[in-house]
């Protein structure tokens, strides 16, 4: 158990802040269809 009674609250607030932080939109290219290999 942490000796600081507010340590748990601070950790929860930090985790919640990270979870609610706006994430930068990463533009990913459209997934390419898998290339088919001809057998023969």
Protein backbone atom coordinates (compact mmCIF):
# COMPACT_ATOMS: atom_id res chain seq x y z
CA UNK A 1 0.00 0.00 0.00
CA UNK A 2 1.34 3.45 -0.83
CA UNK A 3 2.03 5.55 2.23
CA UNK A 4 0.65 8.61 0.45
CA UNK A 5 -3.18 8.33 0.52
CA UNK A 6 -3.43 10.57 -2.54
CA UNK A 7 -0.95 8.60 -4.64
CA UNK A 8 -3.71 6.36 -5.96
CA UNK A 9 -5.92 9.34 -6.78
CA UNK A 10 -3.06 11.05 -8.60
CA UNK A 11 -2.35 7.90 -10.59
CA UNK A 12 -6.01 7.59 -11.55
CA UNK A 13 -6.18 11.23 -12.60
CA UNK A 14 -3.01 10.85 -14.67
CA UNK A 15 -4.36 7.74 -16.38
CA UNK A 16 -7.69 9.43 -17.08
CA UNK A 17 -5.97 12.52 -18.47
CA UNK A 18 -3.87 10.38 -20.81
CA UNK A 19 -6.93 8.40 -21.86
CA UNK A 20 -8.95 11.54 -22.61
CA UNK A 21 -6.12 13.44 -24.30
CA UNK A 22 -6.88 14.25 -27.94
CA UNK A 23 -4.84 11.95 -30.12
CA UNK A 24 -3.19 13.42 -33.22
CA UNK A 25 -4.89 12.08 -36.31
CA UNK A 26 -2.54 9.87 -38.24
CA UNK A 27 -3.40 9.65 -41.90
CA UNK A 28 -2.76 6.09 -42.94
CA UNK A 29 -2.83 5.15 -46.60
CA UNK A 30 -5.69 2.91 -47.69
CA UNK A 31 -4.81 -0.76 -47.17
CA UNK A 32 -3.58 -2.31 -50.39
CA UNK A 33 -5.21 -5.55 -51.49
CA UNK A 34 -2.81 -8.47 -51.14
CA UNK A 35 -0.96 -9.23 -54.35
CA UNK A 36 -1.77 -12.68 -55.68
CA UNK A 37 1.04 -14.85 -56.85
CA UNK A 38 0.42 -17.16 -59.77
CA UNK A 39 1.48 -20.73 -59.16
CA UNK A 40 2.70 -22.36 -62.30
